[in-house]
Amino acid sequence: YAKEHGKTIEQSARILRYRVFDKCL
């Protein structure tokens, strides 16, 4: 995700993690 969207690993991990949480909700 970081490579595709030009973001840092930290940023990408957070974005994807919250997507998972949003889906659970």
PDB file of all heavy atoms in Angstrom:
ATOM      1  N   TYR A   1       0.843  -1.200   0.000  1.00  0.00           N
ATOM      2  CA  TYR A   1       0.000   0.000   0.000  1.00  0.00           C
ATOM      3  C   TYR A   1       0.881   1.253   0.000  1.00  0.00           C
ATOM      4  O   TYR A   1       0.599   2.227  -0.714  1.00  0.00           O
ATOM      5  CB  TYR A   1      -0.910   0.002   1.223  1.00  0.00           C
ATOM      6  CG  TYR A   1      -1.903   1.134   1.244  1.00  0.00           C
ATOM      7  CD1 TYR A   1      -3.182   0.974   0.718  1.00  0.00           C
ATOM      8  CD2 TYR A   1      -1.573   2.373   1.805  1.00  0.00           C
ATOM      9  CE1 TYR A   1      -4.094   2.016   0.725  1.00  0.00           C
ATOM     10  CE2 TYR A   1      -2.477   3.428   1.808  1.00  0.00           C
ATOM     11  CZ  TYR A   1      -3.740   3.244   1.272  1.00  0.00           C
ATOM     12  OH  TYR A   1      -4.633   4.286   1.276  1.00  0.00           O
ATOM     13  N   ALA A   2       1.941   1.230   0.791  1.00  0.00           N
ATOM     14  CA  ALA A   2       2.846   2.383   0.861  1.00  0.00           C
ATOM     15  C   ALA A   2       3.473   2.667  -0.499  1.00  0.00           C
ATOM     16  O   ALA A   2       3.557   3.826  -0.936  1.00  0.00           O
ATOM     17  CB  ALA A   2       3.929   2.121   1.906  1.00  0.00           C
ATOM     18  N   LYS A   3       3.885   1.617  -1.173  1.00  0.00           N
ATOM     19  CA  LYS A   3       4.514   1.777  -2.483  1.00  0.00           C
ATOM     20  C   LYS A   3       3.519   2.304  -3.514  1.00  0.00           C
ATOM     21  O   LYS A   3       3.833   3.194  -4.309  1.00  0.00           O
ATOM     22  CB  LYS A   3       5.082   0.432  -2.944  1.00  0.00           C
ATOM     23  CG  LYS A   3       5.832   0.498  -4.265  1.00  0.00           C
ATOM     24  CD  LYS A   3       6.435  -0.850  -4.620  1.00  0.00           C
ATOM     25  CE  LYS A   3       7.199  -0.784  -5.936  1.00  0.00           C
ATOM     26  NZ  LYS A   3       7.776  -2.109  -6.294  1.00  0.00           N
ATOM     27  N   GLU A   4       2.313   1.784  -3.471  1.00  0.00           N
ATOM     28  CA  GLU A   4       1.297   2.179  -4.460  1.00  0.00           C
ATOM     29  C   GLU A   4       0.828   3.607  -4.258  1.00  0.00           C
ATOM     30  O   GLU A   4       0.561   4.333  -5.226  1.00  0.00           O
ATOM     31  CB  GLU A   4       0.104   1.224  -4.379  1.00  0.00           C
ATOM     32  CG  GLU A   4      -1.005   1.544  -5.375  1.00  0.00           C
ATOM     33  CD  GLU A   4      -2.176   0.583  -5.271  1.00  0.00           C
ATOM     34  OE1 GLU A   4      -2.076  -0.408  -4.516  1.00  0.00           O
ATOM     35  OE2 GLU A   4      -3.201   0.833  -5.938  1.00  0.00           O
ATOM     36  N   HIS A   5       0.724   4.044  -2.998  1.00  0.00           N
ATOM     37  CA  HIS A   5       0.130   5.343  -2.710  1.00  0.00           C
ATOM     38  C   HIS A   5       1.137   6.402  -2.278  1.00  0.00           C
ATOM     39  O   HIS A   5       0.739   7.529  -1.950  1.00  0.00           O
ATOM     40  CB  HIS A   5      -0.943   5.185  -1.629  1.00  0.00           C
ATOM     41  CG  HIS A   5      -2.102   4.334  -2.054  1.00  0.00           C
ATOM     42  ND1 HIS A   5      -3.170   4.815  -2.768  1.00  0.00           N
ATOM     43  CD2 HIS A   5      -2.339   3.003  -1.879  1.00  0.00           C
ATOM     44  CE1 HIS A   5      -4.027   3.836  -3.017  1.00  0.00           C
ATOM     45  NE2 HIS A   5      -3.545   2.726  -2.480  1.00  0.00           N
ATOM     46  N   GLY A   6       2.423   6.066  -2.278  1.00  0.00           N
ATOM     47  CA  GLY A   6       3.445   7.043  -1.948  1.00  0.00           C
ATOM     48  C   GLY A   6       3.417   7.497  -0.509  1.00  0.00           C
ATOM     49  O   GLY A   6       3.699   8.663  -0.203  1.00  0.00           O
ATOM     50  N   LYS A   7       3.083   6.594   0.402  1.00  0.00           N
ATOM     51  CA  LYS A   7       3.019   6.917   1.830  1.00  0.00           C
ATOM     52  C   LYS A   7       4.092   6.143   2.590  1.00  0.00           C
ATOM     53  O   LYS A   7       4.687   5.195   2.062  1.00  0.00           O
ATOM     54  CB  LYS A   7       1.634   6.602   2.390  1.00  0.00           C
ATOM     55  CG  LYS A   7       0.517   7.436   1.762  1.00  0.00           C
ATOM     56  CD  LYS A   7      -0.813   7.162   2.429  1.00  0.00           C
ATOM     57  CE  LYS A   7      -1.924   8.004   1.824  1.00  0.00           C
ATOM     58  NZ  LYS A   7      -1.714   9.455   2.046  1.00  0.00           N
ATOM     59  N   THR A   8       4.320   6.537   3.836  1.00  0.00           N
ATOM     60  CA  THR A   8       5.271   5.795   4.658  1.00  0.00           C
ATOM     61  C   THR A   8       4.619   4.488   5.130  1.00  0.00           C
ATOM     62  O   THR A   8       3.398   4.337   5.079  1.00  0.00           O
ATOM     63  CB  THR A   8       5.696   6.602   5.900  1.00  0.00           C
ATOM     64  OG1 THR A   8       4.566   6.752   6.777  1.00  0.00           O
ATOM     65  CG2 THR A   8       6.219   7.978   5.507  1.00  0.00           C
ATOM     66  N   ILE A   9       5.475   3.584   5.583  1.00  0.00           N
ATOM     67  CA  ILE A   9       4.961   2.324   6.126  1.00  0.00           C
ATOM     68  C   ILE A   9       4.053   2.591   7.324  1.00  0.00           C
ATOM     69  O   ILE A   9       2.996   1.971   7.482  1.00  0.00           O
ATOM     70  CB  ILE A   9       6.124   1.397   6.548  1.00  0.00           C
ATOM     71  CG1 ILE A   9       6.937   0.957   5.312  1.00  0.00           C
ATOM     72  CG2 ILE A   9       5.595   0.176   7.282  1.00  0.00           C
ATOM     73  CD1 ILE A   9       6.213   0.022   4.385  1.00  0.00           C
ATOM     74  N   GLU A  10       4.464   3.540   8.190  1.00  0.00           N
ATOM     75  CA  GLU A  10       3.656   3.873   9.366  1.00  0.00           C
ATOM     76  C   GLU A  10       2.272   4.368   8.967  1.00  0.00           C
ATOM     77  O   GLU A  10       1.251   3.934   9.523  1.00  0.00           O
ATOM     78  CB  GLU A  10       4.358   4.954  10.198  1.00  0.00           C
ATOM     79  CG  GLU A  10       5.623   4.490  10.907  1.00  0.00           C
ATOM     80  CD  GLU A  10       6.333   5.661  11.557  1.00  0.00           C
ATOM     81  OE1 GLU A  10       6.934   6.467  10.826  1.00  0.00           O
ATOM     82  OE2 GLU A  10       6.271   5.769  12.797  1.00  0.00           O
ATOM     83  N   GLN A  11       2.236   5.294   8.019  1.00  0.00           N
ATOM     84  CA  GLN A  11       0.958   5.836   7.552  1.00  0.00           C
ATOM     85  C   GLN A  11       0.092   4.741   6.947  1.00  0.00           C
ATOM     86  O   GLN A  11      -1.111   4.656   7.216  1.00  0.00           O
ATOM     87  CB  GLN A  11       1.201   6.932   6.508  1.00  0.00           C
ATOM     88  CG  GLN A  11       1.813   8.204   7.052  1.00  0.00           C
ATOM     89  CD  GLN A  11       2.252   9.154   5.946  1.00  0.00           C
ATOM     90  OE1 GLN A  11       2.603   8.728   4.834  1.00  0.00           O
ATOM     91  NE2 GLN A  11       2.225  10.439   6.240  1.00  0.00           N
ATOM     92  N   SER A  12       0.702   3.910   6.137  1.00  0.00           N
ATOM     93  CA  SER A  12      -0.044   2.859   5.446  1.00  0.00           C
ATOM     94  C   SER A  12      -0.616   1.851   6.430  1.00  0.00           C
ATOM     95  O   SER A  12      -1.769   1.424   6.299  1.00  0.00           O
ATOM     96  CB  SER A  12       0.866   2.145   4.439  1.00  0.00           C
ATOM     97  OG  SER A  12       1.345   3.061   3.480  1.00  0.00           O
ATOM     98  N   ALA A  13       0.190   1.461   7.421  1.00  0.00           N
ATOM     99  CA  ALA A  13      -0.285   0.510   8.429  1.00  0.00           C
ATOM    100  C   ALA A  13      -1.482   1.077   9.171  1.00  0.00           C
ATOM    101  O   ALA A  13      -2.463   0.369   9.425  1.00  0.00           O
ATOM    102  CB  ALA A  13       0.839   0.168   9.406  1.00  0.00           C
ATOM    103  N   ARG A  14      -1.424   2.361   9.506  1.00  0.00           N
ATOM    104  CA  ARG A  14      -2.531   2.981  10.235  1.00  0.00           C
ATOM    105  C   ARG A  14      -3.796   3.028   9.384  1.00  0.00           C
ATOM    106  O   ARG A  14      -4.886   2.702   9.843  1.00  0.00           O
ATOM    107  CB  ARG A  14      -2.149   4.398  10.674  1.00  0.00           C
ATOM    108  CG  ARG A  14      -3.216   5.072  11.529  1.00  0.00           C
ATOM    109  CD  ARG A  14      -2.851   6.495  11.889  1.00  0.00           C
ATOM    110  NE  ARG A  14      -3.798   7.048  12.839  1.00  0.00           N
ATOM    111  CZ  ARG A  14      -4.986   7.530  12.509  1.00  0.00           C
ATOM    112  NH1 ARG A  14      -5.378   7.516  11.234  1.00  0.00           N
ATOM    113  NH2 ARG A  14      -5.797   8.014  13.435  1.00  0.00           N
ATOM    114  N   ILE A  15      -3.643   3.437   8.128  1.00  0.00           N
ATOM    115  CA  ILE A  15      -4.811   3.516   7.233  1.00  0.00           C
ATOM    116  C   ILE A  15      -5.481   2.155   7.104  1.00  0.00           C
ATOM    117  O   ILE A  15      -6.703   2.019   7.247  1.00  0.00           O
ATOM    118  CB  ILE A  15      -4.377   4.041   5.850  1.00  0.00           C
ATOM    119  CG1 ILE A  15      -3.990   5.521   5.936  1.00  0.00           C
ATOM    120  CG2 ILE A  15      -5.506   3.848   4.824  1.00  0.00           C
ATOM    121  CD1 ILE A  15      -3.301   6.043   4.692  1.00  0.00           C
ATOM    122  N   LEU A  16      -4.682   1.131   6.842  1.00  0.00           N
ATOM    123  CA  LEU A  16      -5.243  -0.214   6.637  1.00  0.00           C
ATOM    124  C   LEU A  16      -5.817  -0.783   7.926  1.00  0.00           C
ATOM    125  O   LEU A  16      -6.838  -1.473   7.913  1.00  0.00           O
ATOM    126  CB  LEU A  16      -4.162  -1.138   6.080  1.00  0.00           C
ATOM    127  CG  LEU A  16      -3.644  -0.762   4.686  1.00  0.00           C
ATOM    128  CD1 LEU A  16      -2.495  -1.675   4.274  1.00  0.00           C
ATOM    129  CD2 LEU A  16      -4.760  -0.827   3.649  1.00  0.00           C
ATOM    130  N   ARG A  17      -5.169  -0.492   9.046  1.00  0.00           N
ATOM    131  CA  ARG A  17      -5.655  -0.973  10.342  1.00  0.00           C
ATOM    132  C   ARG A  17      -7.037  -0.381  10.641  1.00  0.00           C
ATOM    133  O   ARG A  17      -7.952  -1.096  11.060  1.00  0.00           O
ATOM    134  CB  ARG A  17      -4.648  -0.582  11.426  1.00  0.00           C
ATOM    135  CG  ARG A  17      -4.971  -1.075  12.808  1.00  0.00           C
ATOM    136  CD  ARG A  17      -3.777  -0.946  13.728  1.00  0.00           C
ATOM    137  NE  ARG A  17      -3.317   0.419  13.930  1.00  0.00           N
ATOM    138  CZ  ARG A  17      -2.172   0.918  13.458  1.00  0.00           C
ATOM    139  NH1 ARG A  17      -1.357   0.168  12.744  1.00  0.00           N
ATOM    140  NH2 ARG A  17      -1.822   2.166  13.704  1.00  0.00           N
ATOM    141  N   TYR A  18      -7.193   0.912  10.411  1.00  0.00           N
ATOM    142  CA  TYR A  18      -8.477   1.538  10.691  1.00  0.00           C
ATOM    143  C   TYR A  18      -9.557   1.102   9.695  1.00  0.00           C
ATOM    144  O   TYR A  18     -10.737   1.098  10.026  1.00  0.00           O
ATOM    145  CB  TYR A  18      -8.339   3.061  10.719  1.00  0.00           C
ATOM    146  CG  TYR A  18      -7.897   3.569  12.080  1.00  0.00           C
ATOM    147  CD1 TYR A  18      -6.548   3.627  12.412  1.00  0.00           C
ATOM    148  CD2 TYR A  18      -8.822   3.945  13.045  1.00  0.00           C
ATOM    149  CE1 TYR A  18      -6.129   4.059  13.654  1.00  0.00           C
ATOM    150  CE2 TYR A  18      -8.420   4.378  14.295  1.00  0.00           C
ATOM    151  CZ  TYR A  18      -7.070   4.429  14.596  1.00  0.00           C
ATOM    152  OH  TYR A  18      -6.661   4.854  15.834  1.00  0.00           O
ATOM    153  N   ARG A  19      -9.159   0.747   8.510  1.00  0.00           N
ATOM    154  CA  ARG A  19     -10.136   0.182   7.570  1.00  0.00           C
ATOM    155  C   ARG A  19     -10.713  -1.119   8.132  1.00  0.00           C
ATOM    156  O   ARG A  19     -11.910  -1.384   8.012  1.00  0.00           O
ATOM    157  CB  ARG A  19      -9.478  -0.066   6.207  1.00  0.00           C
ATOM    158  CG  ARG A  19      -9.295   1.172   5.360  1.00  0.00           C
ATOM    159  CD  ARG A  19      -8.793   0.818   3.971  1.00  0.00           C
ATOM    160  NE  ARG A  19      -8.539   2.004   3.179  1.00  0.00           N
ATOM    161  CZ  ARG A  19      -8.033   1.992   1.952  1.00  0.00           C
ATOM    162  NH1 ARG A  19      -7.711   0.814   1.396  1.00  0.00           N
ATOM    163  NH2 ARG A  19      -7.845   3.106   1.295  1.00  0.00           N
ATOM    164  N   VAL A  20      -9.827  -1.929   8.720  1.00  0.00           N
ATOM    165  CA  VAL A  20     -10.286  -3.176   9.340  1.00  0.00           C
ATOM    166  C   VAL A  20     -11.243  -2.876  10.490  1.00  0.00           C
ATOM    167  O   VAL A  20     -12.317  -3.478  10.612  1.00  0.00           O
ATOM    168  CB  VAL A  20      -9.084  -4.006   9.835  1.00  0.00           C
ATOM    169  CG1 VAL A  20      -9.559  -5.152  10.736  1.00  0.00           C
ATOM    170  CG2 VAL A  20      -8.285  -4.560   8.660  1.00  0.00           C
ATOM    171  N   PHE A  21     -10.862  -1.927  11.346  1.00  0.00           N
ATOM    172  CA  PHE A  21     -11.721  -1.578  12.481  1.00  0.00           C
ATOM    173  C   PHE A  21     -13.074  -1.059  12.000  1.00  0.00           C
ATOM    174  O   PHE A  21     -14.122  -1.421  12.553  1.00  0.00           O
ATOM    175  CB  PHE A  21     -11.045  -0.515  13.353  1.00  0.00           C
ATOM    176  CG  PHE A  21      -9.732  -0.946  13.963  1.00  0.00           C
ATOM    177  CD1 PHE A  21      -8.776   0.000  14.314  1.00  0.00           C
ATOM    178  CD2 PHE A  21      -9.449  -2.283  14.190  1.00  0.00           C
ATOM    179  CE1 PHE A  21      -7.569  -0.376  14.875  1.00  0.00           C
ATOM    180  CE2 PHE A  21      -8.250  -2.678  14.754  1.00  0.00           C
ATOM    181  CZ  PHE A  21      -7.306  -1.716  15.095  1.00  0.00           C
ATOM    182  N   ASP A  22     -13.050  -0.190  10.980  1.00  0.00           N
ATOM    183  CA  ASP A  22     -14.304   0.345  10.435  1.00  0.00           C
ATOM    184  C   ASP A  22     -15.204  -0.784   9.928  1.00  0.00           C
ATOM    185  O   ASP A  22     -16.416  -0.761  10.121  1.00  0.00           O
ATOM    186  CB  ASP A  22     -14.019   1.323   9.289  1.00  0.00           C
ATOM    187  CG  ASP A  22     -13.483   2.656   9.771  1.00  0.00           C
ATOM    188  OD1 ASP A  22     -13.631   2.957  10.970  1.00  0.00           O
ATOM    189  OD2 ASP A  22     -12.903   3.400   8.957  1.00  0.00           O
ATOM    190  N   LYS A  23     -14.578  -1.770   9.281  1.00  0.00           N
ATOM    191  CA  LYS A  23     -15.352  -2.895   8.755  1.00  0.00           C
ATOM    192  C   LYS A  23     -15.969  -3.708   9.888  1.00  0.00           C
ATOM    193  O   LYS A  23     -17.121  -4.142   9.793  1.00  0.00           O
ATOM    194  CB  LYS A  23     -14.472  -3.786   7.883  1.00  0.00           C
ATOM    195  CG  LYS A  23     -15.197  -5.020   7.324  1.00  0.00           C
ATOM    196  CD  LYS A  23     -14.328  -5.786   6.359  1.00  0.00           C
ATOM    197  CE  LYS A  23     -14.988  -7.110   5.961  1.00  0.00           C
ATOM    198  NZ  LYS A  23     -16.346  -6.934   5.415  1.00  0.00           N
ATOM    199  N   CYS A  24     -15.207  -3.902  10.957  1.00  0.00           N
ATOM    200  CA  CYS A  24     -15.741  -4.639  12.106  1.00  0.00           C
ATOM    201  C   CYS A  24     -16.950  -3.913  12.700  1.00  0.00           C
ATOM    202  O   CYS A  24     -17.949  -4.544  13.073  1.00  0.00           O
ATOM    203  CB  CYS A  24     -14.656  -4.818  13.172  1.00  0.00           C
ATOM    204  SG  CYS A  24     -13.365  -5.992  12.712  1.00  0.00           S
ATOM    205  N   LEU A  25     -16.864  -2.596  12.779  1.00  0.00           N
ATOM    206  CA  LEU A  25     -17.988  -1.812  13.282  1.00  0.00           C
ATOM    207  C   LEU A  25     -19.168  -1.902  12.330  1.00  0.00           C
ATOM    208  O   LEU A  25     -20.313  -2.106  12.738  1.00  0.00           O
ATOM    209  CB  LEU A  25     -17.567  -0.352  13.475  1.00  0.00           C
ATOM    210  CG  LEU A  25     -16.596  -0.071  14.623  1.00  0.00           C
ATOM    211  CD1 LEU A  25     -16.026   1.340  14.509  1.00  0.00           C
ATOM    212  CD2 LEU A  25     -17.290  -0.250  15.971  1.00  0.00           C
TER     213      LEU A  25
END
